[in-house]
Amino acid sequence: GEPSQPITLETLPAEVSVVRSGAASNENERMIAMPLRDAR
């Protein structure tokens, strides 16, 4: 993007993404198995 545009979470390149993504898929699987109240 243009240098004048801020870097947002969506535009973070995958190579430098610092969100804790390693356990994200496992977390999603765990939450899918929960009732809505427990997941919230």
Full PDB file with SEQRES, HELIX, SHEET, SSBOND, CRYST1, ORIGX, SCALE, CONECT and MASTER records, all heavy atoms in Angstrom:
SEQRES   1 A   40  GLY GLU PRO SER GLN PRO ILE THR LEU GLU THR LEU PRO          
SEQRES   2 A   40  ALA GLU VAL SER VAL VAL ARG SER GLY ALA ALA SER ASN          
SEQRES   3 A   40  GLU ASN GLU ARG MET ILE ALA MET PRO LEU ARG ASP ALA          
SEQRES   4 A   40  ARG                                                          
HELIX    1 AA1 ALA A   14  VAL A   16  5                                   3    
HELIX    2 AA2 ALA A   24  ILE A   32  1                                   9    
HELIX    3 AA3 LEU A   36  ALA A   39  1                                   4    
CRYST1    1.000    1.000    1.000  90.00  90.00  90.00 P 1           1          
ORIGX1      1.000000  0.000000  0.000000        0.00000                         
ORIGX2      0.000000  1.000000  0.000000        0.00000                         
ORIGX3      0.000000  0.000000  1.000000        0.00000                         
SCALE1      1.000000  0.000000  0.000000        0.00000                         
SCALE2      0.000000  1.000000  0.000000        0.00000                         
SCALE3      0.000000  0.000000  1.000000        0.00000                         
ATOM      1  N   GLY A   1       0.816  -1.210   0.000  1.00  0.00           N  
ATOM      2  CA  GLY A   1       0.000   0.000   0.000  1.00  0.00           C  
ATOM      3  C   GLY A   1       0.847   1.256   0.000  1.00  0.00           C  
ATOM      4  O   GLY A   1       2.085   1.214   0.074  1.00  0.00           O  
ATOM      5  N   GLU A   2       0.171   2.397  -0.071  1.00  0.00           N  
ATOM      6  CA  GLU A   2       0.848   3.681  -0.078  1.00  0.00           C  
ATOM      7  C   GLU A   2       1.470   3.977   1.282  1.00  0.00           C  
ATOM      8  O   GLU A   2       0.885   3.644   2.320  1.00  0.00           O  
ATOM      9  CB  GLU A   2      -0.130   4.799  -0.436  1.00  0.00           C  
ATOM     10  CG  GLU A   2      -0.663   4.733  -1.855  1.00  0.00           C  
ATOM     11  CD  GLU A   2       0.446   4.938  -2.875  1.00  0.00           C  
ATOM     12  OE1 GLU A   2       1.342   5.763  -2.604  1.00  0.00           O  
ATOM     13  OE2 GLU A   2       0.420   4.278  -3.931  1.00  0.00           O  
ATOM     14  N   PRO A   3       2.676   4.609   1.282  1.00  0.00           N  
ATOM     15  CA  PRO A   3       3.305   4.937   2.571  1.00  0.00           C  
ATOM     16  C   PRO A   3       2.436   5.800   3.469  1.00  0.00           C  
ATOM     17  O   PRO A   3       2.584   5.794   4.684  1.00  0.00           O  
ATOM     18  CB  PRO A   3       4.588   5.670   2.163  1.00  0.00           C  
ATOM     19  CG  PRO A   3       4.883   5.165   0.789  1.00  0.00           C  
ATOM     20  CD  PRO A   3       3.544   4.937   0.143  1.00  0.00           C  
ATOM     21  N   SER A   4       1.517   6.565   2.862  1.00  0.00           N  
ATOM     22  CA  SER A   4       0.655   7.441   3.664  1.00  0.00           C  
ATOM     23  C   SER A   4      -0.445   6.673   4.383  1.00  0.00           C  
ATOM     24  O   SER A   4      -1.072   7.186   5.309  1.00  0.00           O  
ATOM     25  CB  SER A   4       0.022   8.509   2.768  1.00  0.00           C  
ATOM     26  OG  SER A   4      -0.744   7.906   1.731  1.00  0.00           O  
ATOM     27  N   GLN A   5      -0.707   5.436   3.928  1.00  0.00           N  
ATOM     28  CA  GLN A   5      -1.754   4.632   4.546  1.00  0.00           C  
ATOM     29  C   GLN A   5      -1.211   3.905   5.773  1.00  0.00           C  
ATOM     30  O   GLN A   5      -0.111   3.335   5.732  1.00  0.00           O  
ATOM     31  CB  GLN A   5      -2.304   3.609   3.555  1.00  0.00           C  
ATOM     32  CG  GLN A   5      -2.997   4.219   2.347  1.00  0.00           C  
ATOM     33  CD  GLN A   5      -3.454   3.153   1.367  1.00  0.00           C  
ATOM     34  OE1 GLN A   5      -2.973   2.026   1.384  1.00  0.00           O  
ATOM     35  NE2 GLN A   5      -4.382   3.520   0.496  1.00  0.00           N  
ATOM     36  N   PRO A   6      -1.957   3.876   6.883  1.00  0.00           N  
ATOM     37  CA  PRO A   6      -1.488   3.167   8.071  1.00  0.00           C  
ATOM     38  C   PRO A   6      -1.492   1.656   7.862  1.00  0.00           C  
ATOM     39  O   PRO A   6      -2.272   1.134   7.059  1.00  0.00           O  
ATOM     40  CB  PRO A   6      -2.490   3.576   9.152  1.00  0.00           C  
ATOM     41  CG  PRO A   6      -3.724   3.955   8.404  1.00  0.00           C  
ATOM     42  CD  PRO A   6      -3.260   4.540   7.115  1.00  0.00           C  
ATOM     43  N   ILE A   7      -0.606   1.004   8.560  1.00  0.00           N  
ATOM     44  CA  ILE A   7      -0.563  -0.460   8.543  1.00  0.00           C  
ATOM     45  C   ILE A   7      -1.611  -0.960   9.522  1.00  0.00           C  
ATOM     46  O   ILE A   7      -1.571  -0.641  10.708  1.00  0.00           O  
ATOM     47  CB  ILE A   7       0.837  -0.970   8.923  1.00  0.00           C  
ATOM     48  CG1 ILE A   7       1.859  -0.549   7.860  1.00  0.00           C  
ATOM     49  CG2 ILE A   7       0.849  -2.479   9.086  1.00  0.00           C  
ATOM     50  CD1 ILE A   7       3.295  -0.844   8.235  1.00  0.00           C  
ATOM     51  N   THR A   8      -2.564  -1.733   9.003  1.00  0.00           N  
ATOM     52  CA  THR A   8      -3.636  -2.260   9.846  1.00  0.00           C  
ATOM     53  C   THR A   8      -3.437  -3.747  10.055  1.00  0.00           C  
ATOM     54  O   THR A   8      -2.573  -4.376   9.430  1.00  0.00           O  
ATOM     55  CB  THR A   8      -5.009  -2.018   9.201  1.00  0.00           C  
ATOM     56  OG1 THR A   8      -5.067  -2.744   7.962  1.00  0.00           O  
ATOM     57  CG2 THR A   8      -5.230  -0.533   8.940  1.00  0.00           C  
ATOM     58  N   LEU A   9      -4.256  -4.303  10.915  1.00  0.00           N  
ATOM     59  CA  LEU A   9      -4.160  -5.737  11.202  1.00  0.00           C  
ATOM     60  C   LEU A   9      -4.373  -6.555   9.933  1.00  0.00           C  
ATOM     61  O   LEU A   9      -3.689  -7.559   9.706  1.00  0.00           O  
ATOM     62  CB  LEU A   9      -5.202  -6.121  12.262  1.00  0.00           C  
ATOM     63  CG  LEU A   9      -5.129  -7.540  12.827  1.00  0.00           C  
ATOM     64  CD1 LEU A   9      -3.794  -7.783  13.513  1.00  0.00           C  
ATOM     65  CD2 LEU A   9      -6.270  -7.776  13.806  1.00  0.00           C  
ATOM     66  N   GLU A  10      -5.303  -6.088   9.073  1.00  0.00           N  
ATOM     67  CA  GLU A  10      -5.583  -6.834   7.843  1.00  0.00           C  
ATOM     68  C   GLU A  10      -4.440  -6.757   6.841  1.00  0.00           C  
ATOM     69  O   GLU A  10      -4.246  -7.664   6.038  1.00  0.00           O  
ATOM     70  CB  GLU A  10      -6.867  -6.293   7.177  1.00  0.00           C  
ATOM     71  CG  GLU A  10      -8.152  -6.608   7.911  1.00  0.00           C  
ATOM     72  CD  GLU A  10      -8.345  -5.754   9.146  1.00  0.00           C  
ATOM     73  OE1 GLU A  10      -7.666  -4.695   9.247  1.00  0.00           O  
ATOM     74  OE2 GLU A  10      -9.139  -6.131  10.034  1.00  0.00           O  
ATOM     75  N   THR A  11      -3.698  -5.643   6.862  1.00  0.00           N  
ATOM     76  CA  THR A  11      -2.615  -5.469   5.884  1.00  0.00           C  
ATOM     77  C   THR A  11      -1.263  -5.934   6.401  1.00  0.00           C  
ATOM     78  O   THR A  11      -0.267  -5.791   5.703  1.00  0.00           O  
ATOM     79  CB  THR A  11      -2.503  -3.997   5.458  1.00  0.00           C  
ATOM     80  OG1 THR A  11      -2.252  -3.184   6.622  1.00  0.00           O  
ATOM     81  CG2 THR A  11      -3.776  -3.522   4.777  1.00  0.00           C  
ATOM     82  N   LEU A  12      -1.238  -6.476   7.598  1.00  0.00           N  
ATOM     83  CA  LEU A  12       0.033  -7.022   8.087  1.00  0.00           C  
ATOM     84  C   LEU A  12       0.446  -8.191   7.207  1.00  0.00           C  
ATOM     85  O   LEU A  12      -0.329  -9.139   7.030  1.00  0.00           O  
ATOM     86  CB  LEU A  12      -0.114  -7.529   9.527  1.00  0.00           C  
ATOM     87  CG  LEU A  12      -0.044  -6.522  10.664  1.00  0.00           C  
ATOM     88  CD1 LEU A  12      -0.289  -7.230  11.996  1.00  0.00           C  
ATOM     89  CD2 LEU A  12       1.294  -5.830  10.708  1.00  0.00           C  
ATOM     90  N   PRO A  13       1.635  -8.154   6.605  1.00  0.00           N  
ATOM     91  CA  PRO A  13       2.091  -9.295   5.805  1.00  0.00           C  
ATOM     92  C   PRO A  13       2.189 -10.546   6.664  1.00  0.00           C  
ATOM     93  O   PRO A  13       2.495 -10.486   7.855  1.00  0.00           O  
ATOM     94  CB  PRO A  13       3.478  -8.857   5.320  1.00  0.00           C  
ATOM     95  CG  PRO A  13       3.479  -7.377   5.455  1.00  0.00           C  
ATOM     96  CD  PRO A  13       2.613  -7.063   6.617  1.00  0.00           C  
ATOM     97  N   ALA A  14       1.911 -11.701   6.051  1.00  0.00           N  
ATOM     98  CA  ALA A  14       1.947 -12.959   6.796  1.00  0.00           C  
ATOM     99  C   ALA A  14       3.312 -13.205   7.417  1.00  0.00           C  
ATOM    100  O   ALA A  14       3.421 -13.752   8.505  1.00  0.00           O  
ATOM    101  CB  ALA A  14       1.574 -14.116   5.867  1.00  0.00           C  
ATOM    102  N   GLU A  15       4.376 -12.749   6.706  1.00  0.00           N  
ATOM    103  CA  GLU A  15       5.728 -12.997   7.192  1.00  0.00           C  
ATOM    104  C   GLU A  15       6.027 -12.264   8.500  1.00  0.00           C  
ATOM    105  O   GLU A  15       6.900 -12.668   9.270  1.00  0.00           O  
ATOM    106  CB  GLU A  15       6.768 -12.568   6.153  1.00  0.00           C  
ATOM    107  CG  GLU A  15       6.754 -13.405   4.886  1.00  0.00           C  
ATOM    108  CD  GLU A  15       5.734 -12.894   3.874  1.00  0.00           C  
ATOM    109  OE1 GLU A  15       4.923 -12.029   4.256  1.00  0.00           O  
ATOM    110  OE2 GLU A  15       5.737 -13.367   2.730  1.00  0.00           O  
ATOM    111  N   VAL A  16       5.306 -11.171   8.731  1.00  0.00           N  
ATOM    112  CA  VAL A  16       5.590 -10.384   9.931  1.00  0.00           C  
ATOM    113  C   VAL A  16       4.401 -10.344  10.869  1.00  0.00           C  
ATOM    114  O   VAL A  16       4.364  -9.554  11.801  1.00  0.00           O  
ATOM    115  CB  VAL A  16       6.011  -8.946   9.577  1.00  0.00           C  
ATOM    116  CG1 VAL A  16       7.309  -8.949   8.805  1.00  0.00           C  
ATOM    117  CG2 VAL A  16       4.917  -8.238   8.797  1.00  0.00           C  
ATOM    118  N   SER A  17       3.399 -11.163  10.627  1.00  0.00           N  
ATOM    119  CA  SER A  17       2.238 -11.189  11.511  1.00  0.00           C  
ATOM    120  C   SER A  17       2.673 -11.632  12.890  1.00  0.00           C  
ATOM    121  O   SER A  17       3.350 -12.642  13.063  1.00  0.00           O  
ATOM    122  CB  SER A  17       1.176 -12.158  10.983  1.00  0.00           C  
ATOM    123  OG  SER A  17       0.081 -12.199  11.872  1.00  0.00           O  
ATOM    124  N   VAL A  18       2.318 -10.861  13.886  1.00  0.00           N  
ATOM    125  CA  VAL A  18       2.748 -11.161  15.247  1.00  0.00           C  
ATOM    126  C   VAL A  18       1.579 -11.559  16.134  1.00  0.00           C  
ATOM    127  O   VAL A  18       1.705 -11.665  17.339  1.00  0.00           O  
ATOM    128  CB  VAL A  18       3.464  -9.949  15.882  1.00  0.00           C  
ATOM    129  CG1 VAL A  18       4.781  -9.710  15.200  1.00  0.00           C  
ATOM    130  CG2 VAL A  18       2.593  -8.699  15.808  1.00  0.00           C  
ATOM    131  N   VAL A  19       0.398 -11.775  15.511  1.00  0.00           N  
ATOM    132  CA  VAL A  19      -0.730 -12.277  16.296  1.00  0.00           C  
ATOM    133  C   VAL A  19      -0.451 -13.720  16.655  1.00  0.00           C  
ATOM    134  O   VAL A  19       0.137 -14.468  15.879  1.00  0.00           O  
ATOM    135  CB  VAL A  19      -2.032 -12.182  15.473  1.00  0.00           C  
ATOM    136  CG1 VAL A  19      -3.220 -12.658  16.301  1.00  0.00           C  
ATOM    137  CG2 VAL A  19      -2.251 -10.756  15.000  1.00  0.00           C  
ATOM    138  N   ARG A  20      -0.880 -14.149  17.809  1.00  0.00           N  
ATOM    139  CA  ARG A  20      -0.613 -15.513  18.244  1.00  0.00           C  
ATOM    140  C   ARG A  20      -1.444 -16.478  17.411  1.00  0.00           C  
ATOM    141  O   ARG A  20      -2.486 -16.966  17.830  1.00  0.00           O  
ATOM    142  CB  ARG A  20      -0.918 -15.665  19.735  1.00  0.00           C  
ATOM    143  CG  ARG A  20       0.146 -15.062  20.623  1.00  0.00           C  
ATOM    144  CD  ARG A  20      -0.205 -15.151  22.079  1.00  0.00           C  
ATOM    145  NE  ARG A  20      -1.080 -14.063  22.456  1.00  0.00           N  
ATOM    146  CZ  ARG A  20      -1.339 -13.705  23.713  1.00  0.00           C  
ATOM    147  NH1 ARG A  20      -0.790 -14.357  24.705  1.00  0.00           N  
ATOM    148  NH2 ARG A  20      -2.147 -12.710  23.999  1.00  0.00           N  
ATOM    149  N   SER A  21      -0.954 -16.728  16.183  1.00  0.00           N  
ATOM    150  CA  SER A  21      -1.726 -17.526  15.233  1.00  0.00           C  
ATOM    151  C   SER A  21      -1.436 -19.008  15.326  1.00  0.00           C  
ATOM    152  O   SER A  21      -2.189 -19.811  14.801  1.00  0.00           O  
ATOM    153  CB  SER A  21      -1.432 -17.042  13.805  1.00  0.00           C  
ATOM    154  OG  SER A  21      -0.048 -17.135  13.542  1.00  0.00           O  
ATOM    155  N   GLY A  22      -0.362 -19.378  16.000  1.00  0.00           N  
ATOM    156  CA  GLY A  22       0.009 -20.793  16.050  1.00  0.00           C  
ATOM    157  C   GLY A  22      -1.066 -21.655  16.654  1.00  0.00           C  
ATOM    158  O   GLY A  22      -1.319 -22.777  16.207  1.00  0.00           O  
ATOM    159  N   ALA A  23      -1.747 -21.150  17.671  1.00  0.00           N  
ATOM    160  CA  ALA A  23      -2.758 -21.950  18.355  1.00  0.00           C  
ATOM    161  C   ALA A  23      -4.161 -21.565  17.905  1.00  0.00           C  
ATOM    162  O   ALA A  23      -5.151 -22.060  18.449  1.00  0.00           O  
ATOM    163  CB  ALA A  23      -2.629 -21.759  19.861  1.00  0.00           C  
ATOM    164  N   ALA A  24      -4.280 -20.677  16.869  1.00  0.00           N  
ATOM    165  CA  ALA A  24      -5.593 -20.173  16.482  1.00  0.00           C  
ATOM    166  C   ALA A  24      -6.517 -21.290  16.015  1.00  0.00           C  
ATOM    167  O   ALA A  24      -7.694 -21.343  16.395  1.00  0.00           O  
ATOM    168  CB  ALA A  24      -5.436 -19.125  15.391  1.00  0.00           C  
ATOM    169  N   SER A  25      -6.008 -22.181  15.144  1.00  0.00           N  
ATOM    170  CA  SER A  25      -6.866 -23.239  14.624  1.00  0.00           C  
ATOM    171  C   SER A  25      -7.326 -24.168  15.729  1.00  0.00           C  
ATOM    172  O   SER A  25      -8.489 -24.590  15.766  1.00  0.00           O  
ATOM    173  CB  SER A  25      -6.116 -24.026  13.539  1.00  0.00           C  
ATOM    174  OG  SER A  25      -4.929 -24.581  14.085  1.00  0.00           O  
ATOM    175  N   ASN A  26      -6.436 -24.479  16.668  1.00  0.00           N  
ATOM    176  CA  ASN A  26      -6.822 -25.331  17.791  1.00  0.00           C  
ATOM    177  C   ASN A  26      -7.879 -24.652  18.659  1.00  0.00           C  
ATOM    178  O   ASN A  26      -8.814 -25.299  19.153  1.00  0.00           O  
ATOM    179  CB  ASN A  26      -5.603 -25.667  18.648  1.00  0.00           C  
ATOM    180  CG  ASN A  26      -4.635 -26.580  17.924  1.00  0.00           C  
ATOM    181  OD1 ASN A  26      -5.032 -27.310  17.017  1.00  0.00           O  
ATOM    182  ND2 ASN A  26      -3.366 -26.534  18.309  1.00  0.00           N  
ATOM    183  N   GLU A  27      -7.722 -23.324  18.859  1.00  0.00           N  
ATOM    184  CA  GLU A  27      -8.696 -22.584  19.653  1.00  0.00           C  
ATOM    185  C   GLU A  27     -10.064 -22.614  18.974  1.00  0.00           C  
ATOM    186  O   GLU A  27     -11.096 -22.763  19.635  1.00  0.00           O  
ATOM    187  CB  GLU A  27      -8.230 -21.138  19.835  1.00  0.00           C  
ATOM    188  CG  GLU A  27      -7.153 -20.959  20.891  1.00  0.00           C  
ATOM    189  CD  GLU A  27      -7.659 -21.360  22.273  1.00  0.00           C  
ATOM    190  OE1 GLU A  27      -8.698 -20.845  22.719  1.00  0.00           O  
ATOM    191  OE2 GLU A  27      -7.019 -22.233  22.888  1.00  0.00           O  
ATOM    192  N   ASN A  28     -10.072 -22.452  17.639  1.00  0.00           N  
ATOM    193  CA  ASN A  28     -11.343 -22.484  16.922  1.00  0.00           C  
ATOM    194  C   ASN A  28     -12.039 -23.828  17.086  1.00  0.00           C  
ATOM    195  O   ASN A  28     -13.248 -23.900  17.287  1.00  0.00           O  
ATOM    196  CB  ASN A  28     -11.119 -22.198  15.431  1.00  0.00           C  
ATOM    197  CG  ASN A  28     -10.775 -20.737  15.192  1.00  0.00           C  
ATOM    198  OD1 ASN A  28     -11.070 -19.891  16.026  1.00  0.00           O  
ATOM    199  ND2 ASN A  28     -10.142 -20.453  14.055  1.00  0.00           N  
ATOM    200  N   GLU A  29     -11.257 -24.893  16.978  1.00  0.00           N  
ATOM    201  CA  GLU A  29     -11.833 -26.227  17.142  1.00  0.00           C  
ATOM    202  C   GLU A  29     -12.408 -26.413  18.539  1.00  0.00           C  
ATOM    203  O   GLU A  29     -13.483 -27.003  18.716  1.00  0.00           O  
ATOM    204  CB  GLU A  29     -10.760 -27.284  16.864  1.00  0.00           C  
ATOM    205  CG  GLU A  29     -10.338 -27.341  15.394  1.00  0.00           C  
ATOM    206  CD  GLU A  29      -9.176 -28.292  15.179  1.00  0.00           C  
ATOM    207  OE1 GLU A  29      -8.746 -28.928  16.164  1.00  0.00           O  
ATOM    208  OE2 GLU A  29      -8.701 -28.385  14.037  1.00  0.00           O  
ATOM    209  N   ARG A  30     -11.691 -25.905  19.555  1.00  0.00           N  
ATOM    210  CA  ARG A  30     -12.180 -26.031  20.922  1.00  0.00           C  
ATOM    211  C   ARG A  30     -13.480 -25.259  21.107  1.00  0.00           C  
ATOM    212  O   ARG A  30     -14.423 -25.729  21.738  1.00  0.00           O  
ATOM    213  CB  ARG A  30     -11.131 -25.501  21.900  1.00  0.00           C  
ATOM    214  CG  ARG A  30      -9.928 -26.426  22.100  1.00  0.00           C  
ATOM    215  CD  ARG A  30      -8.962 -25.819  23.086  1.00  0.00           C  
ATOM    216  NE  ARG A  30      -9.631 -25.564  24.373  1.00  0.00           N  
ATOM    217  CZ  ARG A  30      -9.154 -24.713  25.277  1.00  0.00           C  
ATOM    218  NH1 ARG A  30      -8.052 -24.029  25.033  1.00  0.00           N  
ATOM    219  NH2 ARG A  30      -9.793 -24.545  26.420  1.00  0.00           N  
ATOM    220  N   MET A  31     -13.521 -24.027  20.552  1.00  0.00           N  
ATOM    221  CA  MET A  31     -14.707 -23.196  20.737  1.00  0.00           C  
ATOM    222  C   MET A  31     -15.915 -23.740  19.979  1.00  0.00           C  
ATOM    223  O   MET A  31     -17.057 -23.617  20.439  1.00  0.00           O  
ATOM    224  CB  MET A  31     -14.410 -21.759  20.307  1.00  0.00           C  
ATOM    225  CG  MET A  31     -13.446 -21.037  21.240  1.00  0.00           C  
ATOM    226  SD  MET A  31     -13.170 -19.308  20.799  1.00  0.00           S  
ATOM    227  CE  MET A  31     -14.770 -18.604  21.177  1.00  0.00           C  
ATOM    228  N   ILE A  32     -15.685 -24.344  18.815  1.00  0.00           N  
ATOM    229  CA  ILE A  32     -16.791 -24.934  18.053  1.00  0.00           C  
ATOM    230  C   ILE A  32     -17.471 -26.030  18.854  1.00  0.00           C  
ATOM    231  O   ILE A  32     -18.689 -26.243  18.765  1.00  0.00           O  
ATOM    232  CB  ILE A  32     -16.273 -25.472  16.698  1.00  0.00           C  
ATOM    233  CG1 ILE A  32     -15.942 -24.292  15.771  1.00  0.00           C  
ATOM    234  CG2 ILE A  32     -17.287 -26.391  16.033  1.00  0.00           C  
ATOM    235  CD1 ILE A  32     -15.251 -24.686  14.493  1.00  0.00           C  
ATOM    236  N   ALA A  33     -16.689 -26.718  19.678  1.00  0.00           N  
ATOM    237  CA  ALA A  33     -17.243 -27.823  20.468  1.00  0.00           C  
ATOM    238  C   ALA A  33     -17.950 -27.350  21.729  1.00  0.00           C  
ATOM    239  O   ALA A  33     -18.532 -28.157  22.455  1.00  0.00           O  
ATOM    240  CB  ALA A  33     -16.119 -28.799  20.841  1.00  0.00           C  
ATOM    241  N   MET A  34     -17.930 -26.013  22.014  1.00  0.00           N  
ATOM    242  CA  MET A  34     -18.542 -25.496  23.236  1.00  0.00           C  
ATOM    243  C   MET A  34     -19.961 -24.997  22.972  1.00  0.00           C  
ATOM    244  O   MET A  34     -20.261 -24.499  21.885  1.00  0.00           O  
ATOM    245  CB  MET A  34     -17.724 -24.304  23.770  1.00  0.00           C  
ATOM    246  CG  MET A  34     -16.338 -24.626  24.246  1.00  0.00           C  
ATOM    247  SD  MET A  34     -15.518 -23.092  24.804  1.00  0.00           S  
ATOM    248  CE  MET A  34     -13.870 -23.716  25.145  1.00  0.00           C  
ATOM    249  N   PRO A  35     -20.803 -25.034  24.004  1.00  0.00           N  
ATOM    250  CA  PRO A  35     -22.082 -24.331  23.916  1.00  0.00           C  
ATOM    251  C   PRO A  35     -21.817 -22.822  23.816  1.00  0.00           C  
ATOM    252  O   PRO A  35     -20.757 -22.339  24.225  1.00  0.00           O  
ATOM    253  CB  PRO A  35     -22.787 -24.680  25.241  1.00  0.00           C  
ATOM    254  CG  PRO A  35     -22.096 -25.902  25.733  1.00  0.00           C  
ATOM    255  CD  PRO A  35     -20.685 -25.808  25.237  1.00  0.00           C  
ATOM    256  N   LEU A  36     -22.785 -22.053  23.296  1.00  0.00           N  
ATOM    257  CA  LEU A  36     -22.609 -20.622  23.077  1.00  0.00           C  
ATOM    258  C   LEU A  36     -22.204 -19.900  24.357  1.00  0.00           C  
ATOM    259  O   LEU A  36     -21.303 -19.046  24.345  1.00  0.00           O  
ATOM    260  CB  LEU A  36     -23.905 -20.011  22.521  1.00  0.00           C  
ATOM    261  CG  LEU A  36     -23.902 -18.490  22.329  1.00  0.00           C  
ATOM    262  CD1 LEU A  36     -22.809 -18.076  21.357  1.00  0.00           C  
ATOM    263  CD2 LEU A  36     -25.269 -18.012  21.855  1.00  0.00           C  
ATOM    264  N   ARG A  37     -22.837 -20.231  25.471  1.00  0.00           N  
ATOM    265  CA  ARG A  37     -22.544 -19.542  26.739  1.00  0.00           C  
ATOM    266  C   ARG A  37     -21.093 -19.751  27.157  1.00  0.00           C  
ATOM    267  O   ARG A  37     -20.410 -18.810  27.562  1.00  0.00           O  
ATOM    268  CB  ARG A  37     -23.508 -20.071  27.807  1.00  0.00           C  
ATOM    269  CG  ARG A  37     -23.396 -19.356  29.136  1.00  0.00           C  
ATOM    270  CD  ARG A  37     -24.481 -19.842  30.058  1.00  0.00           C  
ATOM    271  NE  ARG A  37     -24.468 -19.135  31.318  1.00  0.00           N  
ATOM    272  CZ  ARG A  37     -25.358 -19.333  32.290  1.00  0.00           C  
ATOM    273  NH1 ARG A  37     -26.352 -20.205  32.113  1.00  0.00           N  
ATOM    274  NH2 ARG A  37     -25.274 -18.649  33.410  1.00  0.00           N  
ATOM    275  N   ASP A  38     -20.628 -21.003  27.044  1.00  0.00           N  
ATOM    276  CA  ASP A  38     -19.244 -21.300  27.427  1.00  0.00           C  
ATOM    277  C   ASP A  38     -18.250 -20.640  26.463  1.00  0.00           C  
ATOM    278  O   ASP A  38     -17.191 -20.142  26.877  1.00  0.00           O  
ATOM    279  CB  ASP A  38     -19.006 -22.814  27.443  1.00  0.00           C  
ATOM    280  CG  ASP A  38     -19.771 -23.516  28.556  1.00  0.00           C  
ATOM    281  OD1 ASP A  38     -20.242 -22.805  29.475  1.00  0.00           O  
ATOM    282  OD2 ASP A  38     -19.901 -24.749  28.506  1.00  0.00           O  
ATOM    283  N   ALA A  39     -18.606 -20.637  25.167  1.00  0.00           N  
ATOM    284  CA  ALA A  39     -17.708 -20.028  24.178  1.00  0.00           C  
ATOM    285  C   ALA A  39     -17.593 -18.525  24.417  1.00  0.00           C  
ATOM    286  O   ALA A  39     -16.515 -17.941  24.303  1.00  0.00           O  
ATOM    287  CB  ALA A  39     -18.225 -20.298  22.764  1.00  0.00           C  
ATOM    288  N   ARG A  40     -18.743 -17.872  24.761  1.00  0.00           N  
ATOM    289  CA  ARG A  40     -18.714 -16.439  25.030  1.00  0.00           C  
ATOM    290  C   ARG A  40     -17.826 -16.139  26.239  1.00  0.00           C  
ATOM    291  O   ARG A  40     -17.021 -15.211  26.227  1.00  0.00           O  
ATOM    292  CB  ARG A  40     -20.125 -15.924  25.280  1.00  0.00           C  
ATOM    293  CG  ARG A  40     -20.167 -14.404  25.492  1.00  0.00           C  
ATOM    294  CD  ARG A  40     -21.543 -13.931  25.922  1.00  0.00           C  
ATOM    295  NE  ARG A  40     -22.536 -14.185  24.893  1.00  0.00           N  
ATOM    296  CZ  ARG A  40     -23.619 -14.958  25.063  1.00  0.00           C  
ATOM    297  NH1 ARG A  40     -23.824 -15.560  26.225  1.00  0.00           N  
ATOM    298  NH2 ARG A  40     -24.489 -15.116  24.088  1.00  0.00           N  
TER     299      ARG A  40                                                      
MASTER        0    0    0    3    0    0    0    6  298    1    0    4          
END                                                                             
